[in-house]
Amino acid sequence: MFRCAQHDKVEYMNLILLPGNSRKSNEQWIKDVAEAVKDSFTSNYIHTYQHWQEEEGGIDYDMELTSLVEEVKKFDTYAIFAKSAGAILAMIGIDKGLLHPQKCIFTGTAIAFAQSLRIDIEAILQRYQVPTLFIQKTDDPAYPFLDLKDILIKSKTKNYELLEIPGYDHDYNDIAQLKELIVNFLLPPSSS
């Protein structure tokens, strides 16, 4: 990969953005993240969930994975930025060999949510090898930082970095900080 000096854009890296489960708290947020990083990638694709259209229920991982796999077929190379339930969707797709991102960034990874749905997230993490940056708040109610650190170590997850952000909620609203983390982790350094 290389950056185009004129546009500071990677010529063939696309970004897939997977929001969290709730439309109310994620729809505008994921659009804001996509807007912030749009000039750094060849293209951005925001995956929206079927239950958002119906405005009831929760994410159906099988249905969303089928839809997402069809969408990413048009990209030769891509990275994934995901939040919460979206991170779980990405991990399931990668584990099943249906998604093949170059790298991932997961914010507010909702391990407890996955466990409540009887998803064997520990087994998925044992097999997980995609270079990934996990960003988690200290006391994120979806899964606190130290709990995420423990499960990653216990599962012997490979190729990851873990970043703790102070906070006690499940909101990751510092878009400028996210942009910097996305660009720095997903894109190679510029060669001048």
N, C-alpha and C. Protein backbone atom coordinates (compact mmCIF):
# COMPACT_ATOMS: atom_id res chain seq x y z
N MET A 1 0.84 -1.18 0.00
CA MET A 1 0.00 0.00 0.00
C MET A 1 0.88 1.24 0.00
N PHE A 2 0.37 2.29 -0.60
CA PHE A 2 1.08 3.55 -0.60
C PHE A 2 0.09 4.68 -0.61
N ARG A 3 0.53 5.80 -0.12
CA ARG A 3 -0.32 6.98 -0.14
C ARG A 3 -0.02 7.79 -1.39
N CYS A 4 -1.04 8.34 -1.94
CA CYS A 4 -0.89 9.23 -3.07
C CYS A 4 -0.51 10.59 -2.50
N ALA A 5 0.65 11.13 -2.86
CA ALA A 5 1.13 12.37 -2.27
C ALA A 5 0.15 13.52 -2.48
N GLN A 6 -0.50 13.54 -3.63
CA GLN A 6 -1.43 14.63 -3.92
C GLN A 6 -2.63 14.63 -2.99
N HIS A 7 -3.20 13.47 -2.75
CA HIS A 7 -4.45 13.40 -2.01
C HIS A 7 -4.31 12.78 -0.63
N ASP A 8 -3.08 12.33 -0.28
CA ASP A 8 -2.85 11.67 1.00
C ASP A 8 -3.86 10.53 1.19
N LYS A 9 -4.12 9.79 0.12
CA LYS A 9 -5.11 8.72 0.12
C LYS A 9 -4.43 7.41 -0.28
N VAL A 10 -4.80 6.33 0.36
CA VAL A 10 -4.30 5.04 -0.06
C VAL A 10 -5.03 4.65 -1.34
N GLU A 11 -4.28 4.26 -2.33
CA GLU A 11 -4.86 4.04 -3.64
C GLU A 11 -5.80 2.84 -3.70
N TYR A 12 -5.62 1.86 -2.87
CA TYR A 12 -6.50 0.70 -3.00
C TYR A 12 -6.98 0.17 -1.67
N MET A 13 -7.10 1.03 -0.68
CA MET A 13 -7.64 0.59 0.60
C MET A 13 -9.02 1.20 0.78
N ASN A 14 -9.98 0.35 1.00
CA ASN A 14 -11.35 0.77 1.26
C ASN A 14 -11.63 0.53 2.73
N LEU A 15 -12.57 1.30 3.27
CA LEU A 15 -12.91 1.17 4.67
C LEU A 15 -14.36 0.76 4.81
N ILE A 16 -14.59 -0.36 5.50
CA ILE A 16 -15.92 -0.84 5.82
C ILE A 16 -16.21 -0.39 7.26
N LEU A 17 -17.33 0.29 7.45
CA LEU A 17 -17.69 0.78 8.78
C LEU A 17 -18.93 0.04 9.28
N LEU A 18 -18.80 -0.57 10.43
CA LEU A 18 -19.88 -1.34 11.04
C LEU A 18 -20.27 -0.70 12.36
N PRO A 19 -21.46 -0.11 12.43
CA PRO A 19 -21.88 0.55 13.67
C PRO A 19 -22.29 -0.45 14.74
N GLY A 20 -22.66 0.10 15.89
CA GLY A 20 -23.21 -0.70 16.96
C GLY A 20 -24.66 -1.05 16.69
N ASN A 21 -25.26 -1.79 17.58
CA ASN A 21 -26.60 -2.34 17.41
C ASN A 21 -27.71 -1.28 17.34
N SER A 22 -27.64 -0.27 18.17
CA SER A 22 -28.72 0.71 18.29
C SER A 22 -28.66 1.79 17.21
N ARG A 23 -29.74 1.93 16.48
CA ARG A 23 -29.80 2.97 15.45
C ARG A 23 -29.70 4.36 16.07
N LYS A 24 -30.42 4.55 17.17
CA LYS A 24 -30.48 5.86 17.82
C LYS A 24 -29.10 6.40 18.18
N SER A 25 -28.27 5.55 18.75
CA SER A 25 -26.96 6.04 19.20
C SER A 25 -25.84 5.83 18.20
N ASN A 26 -26.10 5.15 17.10
CA ASN A 26 -25.01 4.84 16.16
C ASN A 26 -25.15 5.40 14.75
N GLU A 27 -26.35 5.67 14.29
CA GLU A 27 -26.53 6.06 12.89
C GLU A 27 -25.76 7.34 12.54
N GLN A 28 -25.98 8.39 13.27
CA GLN A 28 -25.28 9.64 12.96
C GLN A 28 -23.80 9.54 13.32
N TRP A 29 -23.50 8.84 14.40
CA TRP A 29 -22.11 8.68 14.82
C TRP A 29 -21.26 8.02 13.74
N ILE A 30 -21.75 6.94 13.15
CA ILE A 30 -20.96 6.23 12.13
C ILE A 30 -20.81 7.09 10.88
N LYS A 31 -21.83 7.89 10.57
CA LYS A 31 -21.72 8.83 9.43
C LYS A 31 -20.66 9.88 9.72
N ASP A 32 -20.59 10.35 10.96
CA ASP A 32 -19.58 11.34 11.35
C ASP A 32 -18.17 10.76 11.25
N VAL A 33 -18.00 9.52 11.67
CA VAL A 33 -16.69 8.87 11.55
C VAL A 33 -16.32 8.72 10.07
N ALA A 34 -17.25 8.25 9.26
CA ALA A 34 -16.99 8.08 7.82
C ALA A 34 -16.62 9.40 7.17
N GLU A 35 -17.32 10.45 7.52
CA GLU A 35 -17.02 11.78 6.97
C GLU A 35 -15.62 12.23 7.37
N ALA A 36 -15.25 11.98 8.61
CA ALA A 36 -13.94 12.42 9.13
C ALA A 36 -12.78 11.76 8.39
N VAL A 37 -12.95 10.51 7.97
CA VAL A 37 -11.83 9.77 7.36
C VAL A 37 -11.97 9.60 5.85
N LYS A 38 -12.99 10.18 5.25
CA LYS A 38 -13.28 9.91 3.84
C LYS A 38 -12.13 10.24 2.90
N ASP A 39 -11.35 11.26 3.20
CA ASP A 39 -10.25 11.63 2.31
C ASP A 39 -9.03 10.74 2.44
N SER A 40 -9.03 9.85 3.40
CA SER A 40 -7.88 8.98 3.63
C SER A 40 -8.01 7.61 2.96
N PHE A 41 -9.19 7.29 2.45
CA PHE A 41 -9.43 5.97 1.86
C PHE A 41 -10.00 6.11 0.45
N THR A 42 -9.81 5.09 -0.34
CA THR A 42 -10.36 5.08 -1.69
C THR A 42 -11.87 5.21 -1.63
N SER A 43 -12.50 4.45 -0.73
CA SER A 43 -13.94 4.56 -0.53
C SER A 43 -14.29 4.11 0.88
N ASN A 44 -15.44 4.55 1.33
CA ASN A 44 -15.99 4.14 2.61
C ASN A 44 -17.34 3.49 2.35
N TYR A 45 -17.62 2.42 3.07
CA TYR A 45 -18.93 1.79 2.98
C TYR A 45 -19.46 1.61 4.40
N ILE A 46 -20.61 2.22 4.67
CA ILE A 46 -21.27 2.05 5.96
C ILE A 46 -22.34 0.97 5.80
N HIS A 47 -22.20 -0.07 6.59
CA HIS A 47 -23.21 -1.14 6.57
C HIS A 47 -24.30 -0.78 7.57
N THR A 48 -25.54 -0.71 7.10
CA THR A 48 -26.66 -0.46 8.01
C THR A 48 -27.44 -1.75 8.19
N TYR A 49 -27.97 -1.92 9.36
CA TYR A 49 -28.60 -3.17 9.72
C TYR A 49 -30.09 -3.20 9.36
N GLN A 50 -30.55 -4.39 9.01
CA GLN A 50 -31.95 -4.57 8.65
C GLN A 50 -32.89 -4.12 9.76
N HIS A 51 -32.57 -4.43 11.00
CA HIS A 51 -33.48 -4.06 12.09
C HIS A 51 -33.56 -2.54 12.27
N TRP A 52 -32.64 -1.79 11.71
CA TRP A 52 -32.75 -0.33 11.74
C TRP A 52 -33.94 0.14 10.89
N GLN A 53 -34.21 -0.56 9.81
CA GLN A 53 -35.33 -0.19 8.93
C GLN A 53 -36.66 -0.46 9.63
N GLU A 54 -36.70 -1.55 10.36
CA GLU A 54 -37.93 -1.95 11.05
C GLU A 54 -38.08 -1.24 12.39
N GLU A 55 -36.97 -0.66 12.87
CA GLU A 55 -36.93 0.07 14.14
C GLU A 55 -37.40 -0.76 15.33
N GLU A 56 -37.10 -2.05 15.27
CA GLU A 56 -37.37 -2.92 16.41
C GLU A 56 -36.45 -4.11 16.34
N GLY A 57 -36.33 -4.79 17.45
CA GLY A 57 -35.47 -5.98 17.50
C GLY A 57 -34.00 -5.60 17.57
N GLY A 58 -33.18 -6.60 17.39
CA GLY A 58 -31.73 -6.41 17.44
C GLY A 58 -31.07 -7.05 16.25
N ILE A 59 -29.76 -6.97 16.24
CA ILE A 59 -28.99 -7.46 15.11
C ILE A 59 -29.17 -8.97 14.92
N ASP A 60 -29.38 -9.37 13.69
CA ASP A 60 -29.44 -10.77 13.30
C ASP A 60 -28.11 -11.06 12.60
N TYR A 61 -27.18 -11.67 13.33
CA TYR A 61 -25.83 -11.85 12.82
C TYR A 61 -25.78 -12.63 11.51
N ASP A 62 -26.56 -13.69 11.37
CA ASP A 62 -26.54 -14.48 10.14
C ASP A 62 -27.01 -13.65 8.95
N MET A 63 -28.11 -12.94 9.10
CA MET A 63 -28.64 -12.13 8.01
C MET A 63 -27.68 -10.99 7.65
N GLU A 64 -27.15 -10.32 8.66
CA GLU A 64 -26.25 -9.20 8.40
C GLU A 64 -24.95 -9.65 7.76
N LEU A 65 -24.46 -10.80 8.17
CA LEU A 65 -23.23 -11.32 7.58
C LEU A 65 -23.43 -11.66 6.11
N THR A 66 -24.56 -12.26 5.78
CA THR A 66 -24.87 -12.57 4.37
C THR A 66 -24.89 -11.29 3.54
N SER A 67 -25.54 -10.27 4.04
CA SER A 67 -25.63 -8.99 3.35
C SER A 67 -24.26 -8.32 3.24
N LEU A 68 -23.51 -8.32 4.32
CA LEU A 68 -22.20 -7.68 4.34
C LEU A 68 -21.23 -8.37 3.37
N VAL A 69 -21.25 -9.67 3.33
CA VAL A 69 -20.35 -10.41 2.43
C VAL A 69 -20.62 -10.03 0.98
N GLU A 70 -21.88 -9.87 0.63
CA GLU A 70 -22.22 -9.44 -0.74
C GLU A 70 -21.66 -8.05 -1.04
N GLU A 71 -21.75 -7.16 -0.07
CA GLU A 71 -21.27 -5.79 -0.27
C GLU A 71 -19.76 -5.72 -0.42
N VAL A 72 -19.02 -6.48 0.38
CA VAL A 72 -17.55 -6.36 0.34
C VAL A 72 -16.94 -7.07 -0.87
N LYS A 73 -17.72 -7.84 -1.60
CA LYS A 73 -17.19 -8.51 -2.79
C LYS A 73 -16.65 -7.52 -3.81
N LYS A 74 -17.15 -6.29 -3.79
CA LYS A 74 -16.71 -5.30 -4.77
C LYS A 74 -15.35 -4.68 -4.42
N PHE A 75 -14.81 -4.98 -3.24
CA PHE A 75 -13.54 -4.40 -2.82
C PHE A 75 -12.43 -5.44 -2.87
N ASP A 76 -11.31 -5.07 -3.51
CA ASP A 76 -10.16 -5.97 -3.53
C ASP A 76 -9.50 -6.03 -2.15
N THR A 77 -9.26 -4.88 -1.58
CA THR A 77 -8.67 -4.82 -0.25
C THR A 77 -9.48 -3.86 0.59
N TYR A 78 -9.57 -4.16 1.86
CA TYR A 78 -10.33 -3.30 2.75
C TYR A 78 -9.89 -3.52 4.19
N ALA A 79 -10.21 -2.51 4.99
CA ALA A 79 -10.05 -2.59 6.44
C ALA A 79 -11.44 -2.42 7.04
N ILE A 80 -11.57 -2.82 8.28
CA ILE A 80 -12.86 -2.69 8.97
C ILE A 80 -12.69 -1.84 10.22
N PHE A 81 -13.59 -0.87 10.37
CA PHE A 81 -13.73 -0.10 11.60
C PHE A 81 -15.11 -0.45 12.14
N ALA A 82 -15.18 -0.95 13.38
CA ALA A 82 -16.46 -1.40 13.91
C ALA A 82 -16.60 -1.03 15.38
N LYS A 83 -17.86 -0.87 15.77
CA LYS A 83 -18.17 -0.57 17.16
C LYS A 83 -19.09 -1.65 17.72
N SER A 84 -18.83 -2.07 18.93
CA SER A 84 -19.75 -2.86 19.73
C SER A 84 -20.20 -4.14 19.02
N ALA A 85 -21.50 -4.25 18.73
CA ALA A 85 -22.03 -5.43 18.05
C ALA A 85 -21.45 -5.56 16.65
N GLY A 86 -21.07 -4.44 16.04
CA GLY A 86 -20.42 -4.48 14.72
C GLY A 86 -19.08 -5.17 14.78
N ALA A 87 -18.35 -5.01 15.89
CA ALA A 87 -17.08 -5.70 16.06
C ALA A 87 -17.30 -7.21 16.15
N ILE A 88 -18.36 -7.60 16.83
CA ILE A 88 -18.68 -9.02 16.93
C ILE A 88 -19.05 -9.58 15.55
N LEU A 89 -19.82 -8.81 14.78
CA LEU A 89 -20.17 -9.22 13.41
C LEU A 89 -18.91 -9.43 12.58
N ALA A 90 -17.97 -8.50 12.67
CA ALA A 90 -16.71 -8.63 11.92
C ALA A 90 -15.94 -9.87 12.35
N MET A 91 -15.84 -10.10 13.65
CA MET A 91 -15.10 -11.27 14.14
C MET A 91 -15.74 -12.58 13.69
N ILE A 92 -17.06 -12.63 13.71
CA ILE A 92 -17.75 -13.84 13.25
C ILE A 92 -17.47 -14.07 11.77
N GLY A 93 -17.57 -13.01 10.97
CA GLY A 93 -17.32 -13.13 9.53
C GLY A 93 -15.90 -13.55 9.22
N ILE A 94 -14.95 -13.00 9.95
CA ILE A 94 -13.54 -13.38 9.77
C ILE A 94 -13.34 -14.83 10.18
N ASP A 95 -13.92 -15.21 11.30
CA ASP A 95 -13.77 -16.58 11.81
C ASP A 95 -14.35 -17.61 10.83
N LYS A 96 -15.45 -17.24 10.17
CA LYS A 96 -16.07 -18.16 9.20
C LYS A 96 -15.39 -18.12 7.84
N GLY A 97 -14.37 -17.28 7.68
CA GLY A 97 -13.66 -17.18 6.41
C GLY A 97 -14.43 -16.43 5.34
N LEU A 98 -15.39 -15.61 5.76
CA LEU A 98 -16.22 -14.87 4.82
C LEU A 98 -15.76 -13.43 4.63
N LEU A 99 -15.06 -12.89 5.61
CA LEU A 99 -14.51 -11.55 5.53
C LEU A 99 -12.99 -11.64 5.60
N HIS A 100 -12.31 -10.81 4.81
CA HIS A 100 -10.84 -10.88 4.73
C HIS A 100 -10.22 -9.49 4.78
N PRO A 101 -10.42 -8.78 5.89
CA PRO A 101 -9.84 -7.43 5.97
C PRO A 101 -8.32 -7.49 6.15
N GLN A 102 -7.66 -6.42 5.72
CA GLN A 102 -6.22 -6.29 5.95
C GLN A 102 -5.94 -6.02 7.42
N LYS A 103 -6.77 -5.16 8.02
CA LYS A 103 -6.65 -4.79 9.43
C LYS A 103 -8.03 -4.42 9.94
N CYS A 104 -8.15 -4.34 11.27
CA CYS A 104 -9.42 -3.93 11.89
C CYS A 104 -9.15 -3.00 13.07
N ILE A 105 -10.13 -2.16 13.33
CA ILE A 105 -10.18 -1.39 14.58
C ILE A 105 -11.55 -1.63 15.18
N PHE A 106 -11.58 -2.07 16.44
CA PHE A 106 -12.82 -2.32 17.14
C PHE A 106 -12.92 -1.39 18.35
N THR A 107 -14.02 -0.65 18.45
CA THR A 107 -14.26 0.22 19.59
C THR A 107 -15.42 -0.33 20.41
N GLY A 108 -15.28 -0.29 21.70
CA GLY A 108 -16.36 -0.73 22.57
C GLY A 108 -16.83 -2.13 22.26
N THR A 109 -15.90 -3.04 22.07
CA THR A 109 -16.23 -4.41 21.69
C THR A 109 -17.16 -5.03 22.74
N ALA A 110 -18.32 -5.48 22.27
CA ALA A 110 -19.40 -5.93 23.16
C ALA A 110 -19.32 -7.43 23.43
N ILE A 111 -18.30 -7.83 24.14
CA ILE A 111 -18.09 -9.25 24.44
C ILE A 111 -19.26 -9.82 25.24
N ALA A 112 -19.73 -9.09 26.24
CA ALA A 112 -20.83 -9.58 27.08
C ALA A 112 -22.10 -9.78 26.25
N PHE A 113 -22.34 -8.90 25.29
CA PHE A 113 -23.50 -9.03 24.40
C PHE A 113 -23.38 -10.33 23.59
N ALA A 114 -22.21 -10.58 23.04
CA ALA A 114 -21.99 -11.82 22.28
C ALA A 114 -22.21 -13.04 23.17
N GLN A 115 -21.69 -13.00 24.37
CA GLN A 115 -21.85 -14.12 25.30
C GLN A 115 -23.32 -14.34 25.65
N SER A 116 -24.08 -13.25 25.77
CA SER A 116 -25.51 -13.38 26.09
C SER A 116 -26.28 -14.05 24.95
N LEU A 117 -25.74 -13.97 23.74
CA LEU A 117 -26.35 -14.63 22.58
C LEU A 117 -25.77 -16.02 22.35
N ARG A 118 -24.98 -16.48 23.30
CA ARG A 118 -24.34 -17.80 23.24
C ARG A 118 -23.37 -17.95 22.07
N ILE A 119 -22.75 -16.85 21.70
CA ILE A 119 -21.68 -16.88 20.70
C ILE A 119 -20.41 -17.25 21.45
N ASP A 120 -19.70 -18.25 20.96
CA ASP A 120 -18.48 -18.70 21.63
C ASP A 120 -17.34 -17.76 21.26
N ILE A 121 -17.37 -16.58 21.86
CA ILE A 121 -16.42 -15.53 21.51
C ILE A 121 -14.99 -15.91 21.90
N GLU A 122 -14.83 -16.69 22.96
CA GLU A 122 -13.48 -17.11 23.33
C GLU A 122 -12.86 -18.00 22.25
N ALA A 123 -13.64 -18.90 21.69
CA ALA A 123 -13.13 -19.75 20.61
C ALA A 123 -12.78 -18.92 19.38
N ILE A 124 -13.62 -17.93 19.08
CA ILE A 124 -13.35 -17.04 17.95
C ILE A 124 -12.05 -16.28 18.19
N LEU A 125 -11.87 -15.76 19.40
CA LEU A 125 -10.65 -15.01 19.72
C LEU A 125 -9.40 -15.90 19.70
N GLN A 126 -9.55 -17.18 20.03
CA GLN A 126 -8.40 -18.10 19.97
C GLN A 126 -7.89 -18.25 18.55
N ARG A 127 -8.78 -18.19 17.59
CA ARG A 127 -8.41 -18.37 16.18
C ARG A 127 -8.11 -17.05 15.47
N TYR A 128 -8.41 -15.96 16.12
CA TYR A 128 -8.33 -14.64 15.49
C TYR A 128 -6.89 -14.21 15.24
N GLN A 129 -6.58 -13.75 14.01
CA GLN A 129 -5.21 -13.37 13.69
C GLN A 129 -5.08 -12.08 12.90
N VAL A 130 -6.17 -11.43 12.56
CA VAL A 130 -6.11 -10.19 11.77
C VAL A 130 -5.49 -9.09 12.64
N PRO A 131 -4.52 -8.34 12.12
CA PRO A 131 -3.98 -7.22 12.90
C PRO A 131 -5.11 -6.27 13.30
N THR A 132 -5.29 -6.09 14.61
CA THR A 132 -6.45 -5.36 15.11
C THR A 132 -6.06 -4.46 16.27
N LEU A 133 -6.64 -3.27 16.27
CA LEU A 133 -6.54 -2.36 17.39
C LEU A 133 -7.88 -2.38 18.12
N PHE A 134 -7.87 -2.80 19.37
CA PHE A 134 -9.05 -2.75 20.22
C PHE A 134 -8.98 -1.47 21.04
N ILE A 135 -10.03 -0.65 20.95
CA ILE A 135 -10.12 0.58 21.74
C ILE A 135 -11.28 0.39 22.71
N GLN A 136 -10.98 0.49 23.99
CA GLN A 136 -12.02 0.21 24.99
C GLN A 136 -11.91 1.20 26.14
N LYS A 137 -13.06 1.71 26.58
CA LYS A 137 -13.06 2.61 27.73
C LYS A 137 -12.84 1.82 29.02
N THR A 138 -12.25 2.49 29.98
CA THR A 138 -11.92 1.85 31.25
C THR A 138 -13.11 1.11 31.85
N ASP A 139 -14.26 1.78 31.90
CA ASP A 139 -15.45 1.19 32.51
C ASP A 139 -16.61 1.12 31.53
N ASP A 140 -16.31 0.76 30.28
CA ASP A 140 -17.37 0.60 29.28
C ASP A 140 -18.37 -0.44 29.79
N PRO A 141 -19.67 -0.08 29.90
CA PRO A 141 -20.65 -1.04 30.43
C PRO A 141 -20.85 -2.26 29.52
N ALA A 142 -20.49 -2.14 28.24
CA ALA A 142 -20.60 -3.29 27.34
C ALA A 142 -19.52 -4.33 27.63
N TYR A 143 -18.40 -3.86 28.16
CA TYR A 143 -17.30 -4.73 28.57
C TYR A 143 -16.14 -3.83 28.98
N PRO A 144 -15.79 -3.79 30.25
CA PRO A 144 -14.72 -2.91 30.71
C PRO A 144 -13.36 -3.30 30.12
N PHE A 145 -12.47 -2.33 30.07
CA PHE A 145 -11.14 -2.52 29.51
C PHE A 145 -10.40 -3.73 30.10
N LEU A 146 -10.35 -3.82 31.43
CA LEU A 146 -9.59 -4.92 32.05
C LEU A 146 -10.18 -6.29 31.73
N ASP A 147 -11.51 -6.36 31.60
CA ASP A 147 -12.14 -7.62 31.22
C ASP A 147 -11.77 -8.00 29.78
N LEU A 148 -11.75 -6.99 28.90
CA LEU A 148 -11.34 -7.26 27.52
C LEU A 148 -9.88 -7.71 27.47
N LYS A 149 -9.04 -7.03 28.22
CA LYS A 149 -7.62 -7.42 28.28
C LYS A 149 -7.49 -8.87 28.75
N ASP A 150 -8.24 -9.22 29.78
CA ASP A 150 -8.17 -10.59 30.32
C ASP A 150 -8.61 -11.64 29.31
N ILE A 151 -9.72 -11.38 28.59
CA ILE A 151 -10.21 -12.39 27.65
C ILE A 151 -9.28 -12.51 26.44
N LEU A 152 -8.66 -11.41 26.03
CA LEU A 152 -7.70 -11.48 24.92
C LEU A 152 -6.48 -12.30 25.32
N ILE A 153 -6.01 -12.10 26.55
CA ILE A 153 -4.85 -12.87 27.04
C ILE A 153 -5.23 -14.33 27.23
N LYS A 154 -6.36 -14.57 27.88
CA LYS A 154 -6.82 -15.94 28.15
C LYS A 154 -7.04 -16.72 26.84
N SER A 155 -7.55 -16.03 25.83
CA SER A 155 -7.82 -16.69 24.53
C SER A 155 -6.58 -16.80 23.65
N LYS A 156 -5.49 -16.19 24.10
CA LYS A 156 -4.23 -16.18 23.33
C LYS A 156 -4.44 -15.58 21.94
N THR A 157 -5.22 -14.51 21.90
CA THR A 157 -5.47 -13.80 20.65
C THR A 157 -4.15 -13.27 20.10
N LYS A 158 -4.01 -13.30 18.79
CA LYS A 158 -2.76 -12.89 18.15
C LYS A 158 -2.95 -11.56 17.40
N ASN A 159 -1.85 -10.88 17.17
CA ASN A 159 -1.78 -9.69 16.30
C ASN A 159 -2.69 -8.55 16.71
N TYR A 160 -2.76 -8.25 17.98
CA TYR A 160 -3.62 -7.15 18.39
C TYR A 160 -2.87 -6.14 19.24
N GLU A 161 -3.41 -4.95 19.25
CA GLU A 161 -3.01 -3.90 20.18
C GLU A 161 -4.25 -3.53 20.96
N LEU A 162 -4.06 -3.10 22.18
CA LEU A 162 -5.18 -2.76 23.05
C LEU A 162 -4.94 -1.37 23.61
N LEU A 163 -5.91 -0.48 23.41
CA LEU A 163 -5.80 0.90 23.86
C LEU A 163 -6.93 1.21 24.84
N GLU A 164 -6.55 1.65 26.03
CA GLU A 164 -7.53 2.04 27.04
C GLU A 164 -7.80 3.53 26.93
N ILE A 165 -9.08 3.88 26.93
CA ILE A 165 -9.51 5.28 26.94
C ILE A 165 -10.29 5.49 28.24
N PRO A 166 -9.98 6.54 28.98
CA PRO A 166 -10.75 6.79 30.20
C PRO A 166 -12.23 7.01 29.89
N GLY A 167 -13.09 6.50 30.73
CA GLY A 167 -14.52 6.72 30.55
C GLY A 167 -15.34 5.59 31.13
N TYR A 168 -16.61 5.87 31.32
CA TYR A 168 -17.51 4.92 31.96
C TYR A 168 -18.76 4.66 31.13
N ASP A 169 -18.78 5.15 29.88
CA ASP A 169 -19.95 4.92 29.04
C ASP A 169 -19.54 4.15 27.79
N HIS A 170 -20.51 3.93 26.92
CA HIS A 170 -20.29 3.14 25.70
C HIS A 170 -20.24 4.04 24.46
N ASP A 171 -20.06 5.34 24.70
CA ASP A 171 -19.98 6.31 23.61
C ASP A 171 -18.53 6.59 23.28
N TYR A 172 -18.22 6.64 22.01
CA TYR A 172 -16.87 6.95 21.55
C TYR A 172 -16.99 8.16 20.63
N ASN A 173 -17.29 9.31 21.26
CA ASN A 173 -17.69 10.50 20.50
C ASN A 173 -16.56 11.44 20.14
N ASP A 174 -15.32 11.15 20.52
CA ASP A 174 -14.21 12.01 20.13
C ASP A 174 -13.79 11.62 18.71
N ILE A 175 -14.49 12.21 17.73
CA ILE A 175 -14.27 11.84 16.32
C ILE A 175 -12.85 12.19 15.87
N ALA A 176 -12.31 13.31 16.33
CA ALA A 176 -10.95 13.69 15.96
C ALA A 176 -9.94 12.64 16.44
N GLN A 177 -10.13 12.15 17.67
CA GLN A 177 -9.25 11.11 18.20
C GLN A 177 -9.40 9.83 17.39
N LEU A 178 -10.65 9.46 17.08
CA LEU A 178 -10.87 8.24 16.29
C LEU A 178 -10.24 8.36 14.91
N LYS A 179 -10.37 9.53 14.29
CA LYS A 179 -9.76 9.73 12.97
C LYS A 179 -8.25 9.49 13.04
N GLU A 180 -7.62 10.08 14.03
CA GLU A 180 -6.17 9.92 14.18
C GLU A 180 -5.80 8.45 14.38
N LEU A 181 -6.55 7.74 15.22
CA LEU A 181 -6.26 6.33 15.47
C LEU A 181 -6.49 5.49 14.22
N ILE A 182 -7.57 5.77 13.50
CA ILE A 182 -7.89 5.03 12.27
C ILE A 182 -6.78 5.21 11.24
N VAL A 183 -6.44 6.45 10.97
CA VAL A 183 -5.42 6.73 9.95
C VAL A 183 -4.08 6.15 10.36
N ASN A 184 -3.68 6.35 11.62
CA ASN A 184 -2.37 5.87 12.06
C ASN A 184 -2.27 4.36 12.09
N PHE A 185 -3.35 3.68 12.44
CA PHE A 185 -3.28 2.22 12.54
C PHE A 185 -3.51 1.53 11.20
N LEU A 186 -4.47 2.03 10.43
CA LEU A 186 -4.86 1.33 9.21
C LEU A 186 -4.01 1.66 7.99
N LEU A 187 -3.42 2.84 7.98
CA LEU A 187 -2.70 3.27 6.79
C LEU A 187 -1.20 3.28 7.06
N PRO A 188 -0.41 2.95 6.04
CA PRO A 188 1.04 2.96 6.22
C PRO A 188 1.56 4.39 6.29
N PRO A 189 2.72 4.57 6.89
CA PRO A 189 3.27 5.92 6.95
C PRO A 189 3.56 6.45 5.55
N SER A 190 3.40 7.75 5.40
CA SER A 190 3.66 8.39 4.13
C SER A 190 5.15 8.38 3.84
N SER A 191 5.53 8.06 2.61
CA SER A 191 6.94 8.09 2.25
C SER A 191 7.19 9.35 1.44
N SER A 192 7.90 10.28 2.06
CA SER A 192 8.16 11.57 1.41
C SER A 192 9.57 11.61 0.92
